[in-house]
Structures are given as C-alpha cells and as structure tokens.
Amino acid sequence: MSTIREIHTALEAALDTVEGLRVFDTPPQSPQYPCAYPVLNGWEPTTFTRLGHKRYEFTVYVLTAETARPQDGYRLLMDYADAGSKSIDLAIWDANNRAAGTFGGLTNTTAAVTGFRILGSIDVDEFQAYGGVFTVEVLTKG
C-alpha cells in the first residue's frame, strides 16, 4: 500500500508535467502564477481488513492570476480544465499505468480527477488570487 506522502509526491510529479504550471508541495507563500498544489482532504477504508483498500481524496488547487486580472485567470483556468497540453485531468490520468496497476510508479495505486469547480477570487496568505480546484480520487491496496 502506498503511503500518503508517496501519493502526495506522485501527484506533484504528475502536475509538474503540465505546460507552464509551477507546482508546490504546500500552499505557496508569495506565489508566482500560474501555480498548483495538492492537499489531502481525507481517506476511508473500502475494505475492512488490516491492510485493505483505501480511498484517498485530494484537492488540487490551481491559482492562475492575481484578482486584478480575473478575465486572464478565468481563461487560463479553462485551459487547465479542458483537454490539451495544460490539462490537469490528462496529466493525472497519464501518470497511471493501468496494465501494471500503478500511479506514478506506486504499486497497486490508481488516481483520477473526479471533479472540478471554479473558486473565483480566493485569499492566499496576504494575496488575492483567481483559481479553481480539482478533486482527485486515489485508490490503493495493501
């Protein structure tokens, strides 16, 4: 079974393949846009055994621009939500090796984007940014 830290690192690596996106392992201080970072929301067992299957839910925050330019932030956010070289969904999907049952090289682990929503303007430390979030579901088994 993959650890939370291993999954977090694999998500960062998948995001790092997205064209023009700066990836951080935690919420950034003084970020340069566009940027992204994953956050663990929680996990739950999917089988009731000592080393059974677990389902992890992560949120990937994508910040695209300062709020002074929301139109630019919105347009860029759509690029990350759509298919293409900037697609968050495809970057995470492509990090899976379905035949081998791995995600980012992690055995018995798979990941997929299960949702997207626009946050609009949000506060990040003392800065205001324009962004959205992707929900990522990760399944792993012992």
Protein backbone atom coordinates (compact mmCIF):
# COMPACT_ATOMS: atom_id res chain seq x y z
CA MET A 1 0.00 0.00 0.00
CA SER A 2 1.28 3.46 -0.86
CA THR A 3 1.74 5.99 1.92
CA ILE A 4 0.06 9.38 1.98
CA ARG A 5 3.42 11.09 1.42
CA GLU A 6 4.21 8.83 -1.58
CA ILE A 7 0.82 9.60 -3.13
CA HIS A 8 1.28 13.32 -2.48
CA THR A 9 4.68 13.23 -4.18
CA ALA A 10 3.28 11.27 -7.16
CA LEU A 11 0.52 13.88 -7.57
CA GLU A 12 3.12 16.66 -7.54
CA ALA A 13 5.14 14.83 -10.20
CA ALA A 14 2.04 14.40 -12.40
CA LEU A 15 1.17 18.10 -12.05
CA ASP A 16 4.75 19.04 -12.87
CA THR A 17 4.21 17.66 -16.41
CA VAL A 18 1.60 20.35 -17.17
CA GLU A 19 2.93 23.01 -19.50
CA GLY A 20 3.75 26.31 -17.75
CA LEU A 21 2.46 25.29 -14.30
CA ARG A 22 4.57 25.88 -11.17
CA VAL A 23 3.97 23.08 -8.66
CA PHE A 24 4.36 23.36 -4.89
CA ASP A 25 4.06 20.68 -2.21
CA THR A 26 2.18 23.00 0.17
CA PRO A 27 0.21 26.24 -0.19
CA PRO A 28 2.83 28.66 -1.53
CA GLN A 29 3.90 31.90 0.09
CA SER A 30 4.19 34.74 -2.42
CA PRO A 31 3.22 32.51 -5.36
CA GLN A 32 4.08 33.19 -8.96
CA TYR A 33 1.13 32.36 -11.18
CA PRO A 34 0.04 30.01 -12.55
CA CYS A 35 0.70 27.50 -9.79
CA ALA A 36 -0.80 24.38 -8.23
CA TYR A 37 -0.53 22.31 -5.07
CA PRO A 38 -2.30 19.18 -3.76
CA VAL A 39 -3.94 18.93 -0.32
CA LEU A 40 -5.22 15.75 1.32
CA ASN A 41 -8.89 16.05 2.27
CA GLY A 42 -9.16 12.65 3.95
CA TRP A 43 -9.28 8.92 3.42
CA GLU A 44 -11.57 6.00 4.11
CA PRO A 45 -11.22 2.23 4.00
CA THR A 46 -13.01 0.47 1.17
CA THR A 47 -12.46 -2.99 2.70
CA PHE A 48 -12.33 -3.93 6.35
CA THR A 49 -9.07 -5.80 6.68
CA ARG A 50 -5.78 -4.92 8.31
CA LEU A 51 -4.09 -3.85 5.06
CA GLY A 52 -7.11 -3.47 2.84
CA HIS A 53 -8.01 -0.98 0.16
CA LYS A 54 -8.16 2.74 0.91
CA ARG A 55 -9.67 5.64 -0.96
CA TYR A 56 -7.90 8.98 -0.59
CA GLU A 57 -9.41 12.28 -1.67
CA PHE A 58 -7.12 15.15 -2.60
CA THR A 59 -7.92 18.66 -3.72
CA VAL A 60 -5.56 20.20 -6.27
CA TYR A 61 -5.67 23.97 -6.03
CA VAL A 62 -4.80 25.83 -9.23
CA LEU A 63 -4.15 29.57 -8.93
CA THR A 64 -3.97 31.33 -12.26
CA ALA A 65 -3.72 35.10 -11.74
CA GLU A 66 -3.98 37.99 -9.34
CA THR A 67 -7.55 39.13 -8.85
CA ALA A 68 -6.78 42.41 -10.61
CA ARG A 69 -6.92 40.40 -13.87
CA PRO A 70 -9.77 37.88 -13.32
CA GLN A 71 -10.52 37.59 -17.03
CA ASP A 72 -6.97 36.34 -17.66
CA GLY A 73 -7.23 33.98 -14.70
CA TYR A 74 -10.55 32.59 -15.93
CA ARG A 75 -9.27 31.95 -19.46
CA LEU A 76 -6.15 30.18 -18.21
CA LEU A 77 -8.18 28.15 -15.73
CA MET A 78 -10.32 26.89 -18.61
CA ASP A 79 -7.13 25.68 -20.32
CA TYR A 80 -6.30 23.61 -17.22
CA ALA A 81 -9.85 22.23 -17.07
CA ASP A 82 -10.00 21.35 -20.77
CA ALA A 83 -8.21 18.65 -22.76
CA GLY A 84 -4.84 19.67 -24.18
CA SER A 85 -1.24 20.32 -23.17
CA LYS A 86 -2.34 22.16 -19.99
CA SER A 87 -4.95 19.61 -18.86
CA ILE A 88 -4.76 18.69 -15.16
CA ASP A 89 -7.15 15.77 -15.78
CA LEU A 90 -4.98 14.28 -18.54
CA ALA A 91 -1.74 14.79 -16.58
CA ILE A 92 -3.10 12.75 -13.68
CA TRP A 93 -4.69 10.17 -15.97
CA ASP A 94 -1.43 9.75 -17.91
CA ALA A 95 0.53 9.14 -14.68
CA ASN A 96 -1.39 5.86 -14.34
CA ASN A 97 -0.16 2.65 -15.88
CA ARG A 98 -3.43 0.72 -15.94
CA ALA A 99 -1.84 -2.54 -17.13
CA ALA A 100 0.66 -2.54 -14.26
CA GLY A 101 -1.83 -1.10 -11.74
CA THR A 102 0.43 1.80 -10.80
CA PHE A 103 0.16 5.57 -10.42
CA GLY A 104 3.42 7.49 -10.66
CA GLY A 105 5.25 4.20 -10.14
CA LEU A 106 3.35 3.37 -6.93
CA THR A 107 2.26 -0.29 -6.88
CA ASN A 108 -1.45 -1.14 -6.55
CA THR A 109 -2.41 2.54 -6.80
CA THR A 110 -4.55 4.44 -9.31
CA ALA A 111 -5.72 8.06 -9.49
CA ALA A 112 -8.30 10.05 -11.43
CA VAL A 113 -9.83 13.52 -11.40
CA THR A 114 -13.45 13.23 -10.25
CA GLY A 115 -14.48 16.87 -10.23
CA PHE A 116 -13.63 20.49 -10.99
CA ARG A 117 -15.05 23.77 -9.79
CA ILE A 118 -14.13 27.43 -10.04
CA LEU A 119 -13.39 29.22 -6.80
CA GLY A 120 -13.07 32.67 -8.33
CA SER A 121 -11.17 35.06 -6.07
CA ILE A 122 -9.54 33.50 -3.01
CA ASP A 123 -7.10 34.67 -0.35
CA VAL A 124 -3.69 33.01 -0.27
CA ASP A 125 -1.73 34.41 2.66
CA GLU A 126 -1.86 38.19 2.13
CA PHE A 127 -2.50 37.89 -1.61
CA GLN A 128 -5.70 37.52 -3.58
CA ALA A 129 -5.68 35.07 -6.47
CA TYR A 130 -8.08 33.70 -9.04
CA GLY A 131 -8.37 29.94 -9.16
CA GLY A 132 -10.20 26.65 -9.08
CA VAL A 133 -9.96 23.19 -7.60
CA PHE A 134 -9.79 19.68 -8.98
CA THR A 135 -10.92 16.75 -6.84
CA VAL A 136 -8.67 13.71 -7.23
CA GLU A 137 -9.58 10.23 -6.02
CA VAL A 138 -6.74 7.81 -5.33
CA LEU A 139 -7.28 4.10 -4.68
CA THR A 140 -4.57 1.95 -3.15
CA LYS A 141 -4.46 -1.52 -1.65
CA GLY A 142 -2.12 -3.37 0.68
